[in-house]
Amino acid sequence: MTHDRIHARKPTHDLDRWSVGTIQRIDTQDGHCVVAVETDAGETVELVVTLAIRELFLSRLEIDSHESPIGEQVWYRQHGGQA
């Protein structure tokens, strides 16, 4: 399975290959994490990442552990992963 890429911080390389979105929701499906982000154009993109990547990018968001990641900005590359 090909997974999408997601970062909590602005990437330092190949910036033209990354898109920016705002987290709308985070779900678990079939042992993977599905992160729905809203694009600048108002569209919803669903990103499929591993549970380990979910924990990594959530830990790097600049929020306290008790705060929700909903509404936080992330950078992503969609590779068409399917859960």
N, C-alpha and C. Protein backbone atom coordinates (compact mmCIF):
# COMPACT_ATOMS: atom_id res chain seq x y z
N MET A 1 0.84 -1.19 0.00
CA MET A 1 0.00 0.00 0.00
C MET A 1 0.88 1.24 0.00
N THR A 2 0.52 2.18 -0.84
CA THR A 2 1.21 3.46 -0.87
C THR A 2 0.50 4.41 0.08
N HIS A 3 1.26 4.98 1.01
CA HIS A 3 0.67 5.91 1.98
C HIS A 3 0.97 7.34 1.56
N ASP A 4 0.12 8.23 2.01
CA ASP A 4 0.32 9.66 1.79
C ASP A 4 1.37 10.16 2.77
N ARG A 5 1.83 11.38 2.56
CA ARG A 5 2.82 11.98 3.45
C ARG A 5 2.17 13.17 4.14
N ILE A 6 2.53 13.39 5.40
CA ILE A 6 1.97 14.52 6.15
C ILE A 6 3.02 15.02 7.15
N HIS A 7 3.12 16.34 7.25
CA HIS A 7 4.08 16.96 8.18
C HIS A 7 3.37 18.02 9.01
N ALA A 8 3.75 18.13 10.25
CA ALA A 8 3.20 19.16 11.14
C ALA A 8 3.91 20.50 10.94
N ARG A 9 5.10 20.45 10.37
CA ARG A 9 5.88 21.67 10.15
C ARG A 9 6.17 21.83 8.66
N LYS A 10 6.39 23.06 8.26
CA LYS A 10 6.68 23.35 6.85
C LYS A 10 7.94 22.60 6.42
N PRO A 11 7.87 21.85 5.32
CA PRO A 11 9.05 21.13 4.84
C PRO A 11 10.16 22.10 4.44
N THR A 12 11.37 21.62 4.50
CA THR A 12 12.52 22.47 4.17
C THR A 12 13.04 22.23 2.76
N HIS A 13 12.48 21.27 2.04
CA HIS A 13 12.94 20.96 0.69
C HIS A 13 11.75 20.65 -0.22
N ASP A 14 11.94 20.82 -1.51
CA ASP A 14 10.91 20.51 -2.51
C ASP A 14 9.56 21.12 -2.15
N LEU A 15 9.55 22.38 -1.77
CA LEU A 15 8.31 23.02 -1.31
C LEU A 15 7.20 22.99 -2.36
N ASP A 16 7.58 22.99 -3.63
CA ASP A 16 6.57 22.98 -4.69
C ASP A 16 5.83 21.65 -4.79
N ARG A 17 6.33 20.62 -4.13
CA ARG A 17 5.70 19.30 -4.16
C ARG A 17 4.72 19.08 -3.00
N TRP A 18 4.64 20.05 -2.08
CA TRP A 18 3.80 19.92 -0.89
C TRP A 18 2.60 20.86 -0.99
N SER A 19 1.48 20.43 -0.43
CA SER A 19 0.28 21.26 -0.34
C SER A 19 0.01 21.55 1.14
N VAL A 20 -0.77 22.59 1.38
CA VAL A 20 -1.11 22.98 2.75
C VAL A 20 -2.59 22.74 2.97
N GLY A 21 -2.92 22.23 4.15
CA GLY A 21 -4.32 22.02 4.49
C GLY A 21 -4.55 22.19 5.97
N THR A 22 -5.81 22.25 6.35
CA THR A 22 -6.22 22.38 7.74
C THR A 22 -6.96 21.11 8.14
N ILE A 23 -6.55 20.52 9.25
CA ILE A 23 -7.15 19.26 9.70
C ILE A 23 -8.63 19.47 10.03
N GLN A 24 -9.48 18.64 9.40
CA GLN A 24 -10.92 18.65 9.70
C GLN A 24 -11.30 17.53 10.65
N ARG A 25 -10.71 16.34 10.40
CA ARG A 25 -11.00 15.20 11.27
C ARG A 25 -9.90 14.17 11.12
N ILE A 26 -9.80 13.30 12.13
CA ILE A 26 -8.84 12.19 12.12
C ILE A 26 -9.59 10.94 12.55
N ASP A 27 -9.56 9.92 11.70
CA ASP A 27 -10.25 8.66 11.98
C ASP A 27 -9.27 7.50 11.83
N THR A 28 -9.64 6.36 12.40
CA THR A 28 -8.91 5.12 12.19
C THR A 28 -9.79 4.20 11.37
N GLN A 29 -9.19 3.62 10.31
CA GLN A 29 -9.96 2.76 9.42
C GLN A 29 -9.07 1.62 8.94
N ASP A 30 -9.48 0.40 9.18
CA ASP A 30 -8.76 -0.79 8.70
C ASP A 30 -7.29 -0.77 9.12
N GLY A 31 -7.00 -0.32 10.35
CA GLY A 31 -5.64 -0.32 10.85
C GLY A 31 -4.77 0.81 10.35
N HIS A 32 -5.38 1.79 9.69
CA HIS A 32 -4.65 2.96 9.20
C HIS A 32 -5.31 4.22 9.73
N CYS A 33 -4.63 5.32 9.59
CA CYS A 33 -5.17 6.61 10.00
C CYS A 33 -5.62 7.37 8.76
N VAL A 34 -6.83 7.91 8.80
CA VAL A 34 -7.33 8.75 7.71
C VAL A 34 -7.45 10.17 8.27
N VAL A 35 -6.71 11.09 7.65
CA VAL A 35 -6.72 12.48 8.07
C VAL A 35 -7.40 13.29 6.97
N ALA A 36 -8.53 13.90 7.28
CA ALA A 36 -9.22 14.76 6.31
C ALA A 36 -8.74 16.19 6.52
N VAL A 37 -8.25 16.78 5.44
CA VAL A 37 -7.79 18.17 5.50
C VAL A 37 -8.55 19.00 4.49
N GLU A 38 -8.77 20.26 4.84
CA GLU A 38 -9.40 21.20 3.93
C GLU A 38 -8.31 22.00 3.23
N THR A 39 -8.39 22.06 1.91
CA THR A 39 -7.40 22.80 1.12
C THR A 39 -7.74 24.29 1.12
N ASP A 40 -6.83 25.10 0.59
CA ASP A 40 -7.09 26.54 0.46
C ASP A 40 -8.29 26.81 -0.44
N ALA A 41 -8.59 25.87 -1.36
CA ALA A 41 -9.72 26.02 -2.28
C ALA A 41 -11.04 25.56 -1.65
N GLY A 42 -10.99 25.09 -0.40
CA GLY A 42 -12.19 24.65 0.29
C GLY A 42 -12.58 23.21 0.02
N GLU A 43 -11.72 22.46 -0.66
CA GLU A 43 -11.99 21.05 -0.93
C GLU A 43 -11.47 20.19 0.22
N THR A 44 -12.03 19.00 0.37
CA THR A 44 -11.58 18.06 1.39
C THR A 44 -10.75 16.98 0.74
N VAL A 45 -9.56 16.74 1.29
CA VAL A 45 -8.67 15.69 0.83
C VAL A 45 -8.50 14.71 1.98
N GLU A 46 -8.65 13.41 1.69
CA GLU A 46 -8.43 12.40 2.72
C GLU A 46 -7.07 11.77 2.51
N LEU A 47 -6.25 11.83 3.53
CA LEU A 47 -4.89 11.28 3.51
C LEU A 47 -4.86 10.01 4.33
N VAL A 48 -4.21 8.98 3.81
CA VAL A 48 -4.08 7.71 4.52
C VAL A 48 -2.63 7.54 4.94
N VAL A 49 -2.41 7.43 6.25
CA VAL A 49 -1.06 7.25 6.79
C VAL A 49 -1.08 6.12 7.81
N THR A 50 0.08 5.64 8.18
CA THR A 50 0.15 4.60 9.21
C THR A 50 -0.15 5.21 10.58
N LEU A 51 -0.47 4.35 11.52
CA LEU A 51 -0.74 4.82 12.88
C LEU A 51 0.52 5.43 13.50
N ALA A 52 1.70 4.90 13.15
CA ALA A 52 2.95 5.45 13.66
C ALA A 52 3.18 6.87 13.14
N ILE A 53 2.86 7.11 11.87
CA ILE A 53 3.00 8.46 11.31
C ILE A 53 2.00 9.40 11.96
N ARG A 54 0.79 8.91 12.25
CA ARG A 54 -0.20 9.73 12.96
C ARG A 54 0.38 10.22 14.28
N GLU A 55 0.96 9.31 15.05
CA GLU A 55 1.52 9.69 16.35
C GLU A 55 2.67 10.66 16.19
N LEU A 56 3.49 10.47 15.16
CA LEU A 56 4.63 11.35 14.93
C LEU A 56 4.18 12.77 14.57
N PHE A 57 3.30 12.90 13.58
CA PHE A 57 2.93 14.27 13.20
C PHE A 57 2.10 14.95 14.27
N LEU A 58 1.26 14.19 15.00
CA LEU A 58 0.50 14.81 16.10
C LEU A 58 1.42 15.31 17.20
N SER A 59 2.49 14.55 17.48
CA SER A 59 3.41 14.97 18.53
C SER A 59 4.20 16.22 18.14
N ARG A 60 4.28 16.49 16.86
CA ARG A 60 5.03 17.66 16.39
C ARG A 60 4.18 18.91 16.19
N LEU A 61 2.87 18.78 16.32
CA LEU A 61 2.02 19.97 16.25
C LEU A 61 2.27 20.82 17.49
N GLU A 62 2.16 22.12 17.32
CA GLU A 62 2.42 23.03 18.43
C GLU A 62 1.14 23.23 19.25
N ILE A 63 0.68 22.11 19.85
CA ILE A 63 -0.50 22.15 20.72
C ILE A 63 -0.17 21.35 21.98
N ASP A 64 -0.90 21.63 23.04
CA ASP A 64 -0.75 20.86 24.27
C ASP A 64 -1.40 19.50 24.09
N SER A 65 -1.00 18.53 24.89
CA SER A 65 -1.48 17.16 24.75
C SER A 65 -3.00 17.04 24.94
N HIS A 66 -3.60 17.96 25.65
CA HIS A 66 -5.05 17.91 25.88
C HIS A 66 -5.84 18.66 24.80
N GLU A 67 -5.16 19.35 23.89
CA GLU A 67 -5.83 20.11 22.84
C GLU A 67 -6.10 19.25 21.61
N SER A 68 -7.14 19.57 20.89
CA SER A 68 -7.51 18.87 19.68
C SER A 68 -6.66 19.36 18.50
N PRO A 69 -6.26 18.44 17.61
CA PRO A 69 -5.52 18.85 16.41
C PRO A 69 -6.43 19.42 15.32
N ILE A 70 -7.75 19.35 15.51
CA ILE A 70 -8.69 19.87 14.53
C ILE A 70 -8.46 21.38 14.38
N GLY A 71 -8.32 21.82 13.14
CA GLY A 71 -8.07 23.24 12.87
C GLY A 71 -6.61 23.58 12.71
N GLU A 72 -5.72 22.62 12.98
CA GLU A 72 -4.28 22.86 12.84
C GLU A 72 -3.85 22.71 11.38
N GLN A 73 -2.87 23.49 10.99
CA GLN A 73 -2.34 23.46 9.62
C GLN A 73 -1.28 22.37 9.48
N VAL A 74 -1.34 21.64 8.35
CA VAL A 74 -0.35 20.61 8.03
C VAL A 74 0.05 20.73 6.57
N TRP A 75 1.18 20.13 6.25
CA TRP A 75 1.67 20.05 4.88
C TRP A 75 1.57 18.60 4.46
N TYR A 76 1.16 18.35 3.22
CA TYR A 76 0.95 16.97 2.79
C TYR A 76 1.28 16.76 1.32
N ARG A 77 1.51 15.48 1.00
CA ARG A 77 1.68 15.01 -0.37
C ARG A 77 0.79 13.79 -0.52
N GLN A 78 -0.11 13.85 -1.46
CA GLN A 78 -1.06 12.76 -1.64
C GLN A 78 -0.50 11.77 -2.67
N HIS A 79 -0.46 10.48 -2.26
CA HIS A 79 0.04 9.42 -3.14
C HIS A 79 -1.04 8.43 -3.50
N GLY A 80 -2.28 8.71 -3.09
CA GLY A 80 -3.38 7.84 -3.47
C GLY A 80 -3.54 6.58 -2.66
N GLY A 81 -3.06 6.56 -1.43
CA GLY A 81 -3.23 5.39 -0.57
C GLY A 81 -4.69 5.13 -0.29
N GLN A 82 -5.07 3.88 -0.19
CA GLN A 82 -6.44 3.49 0.09
C GLN A 82 -6.44 2.66 1.36
N ALA A 83 -7.29 2.98 2.30
CA ALA A 83 -7.39 2.19 3.52
C ALA A 83 -8.18 0.94 3.27
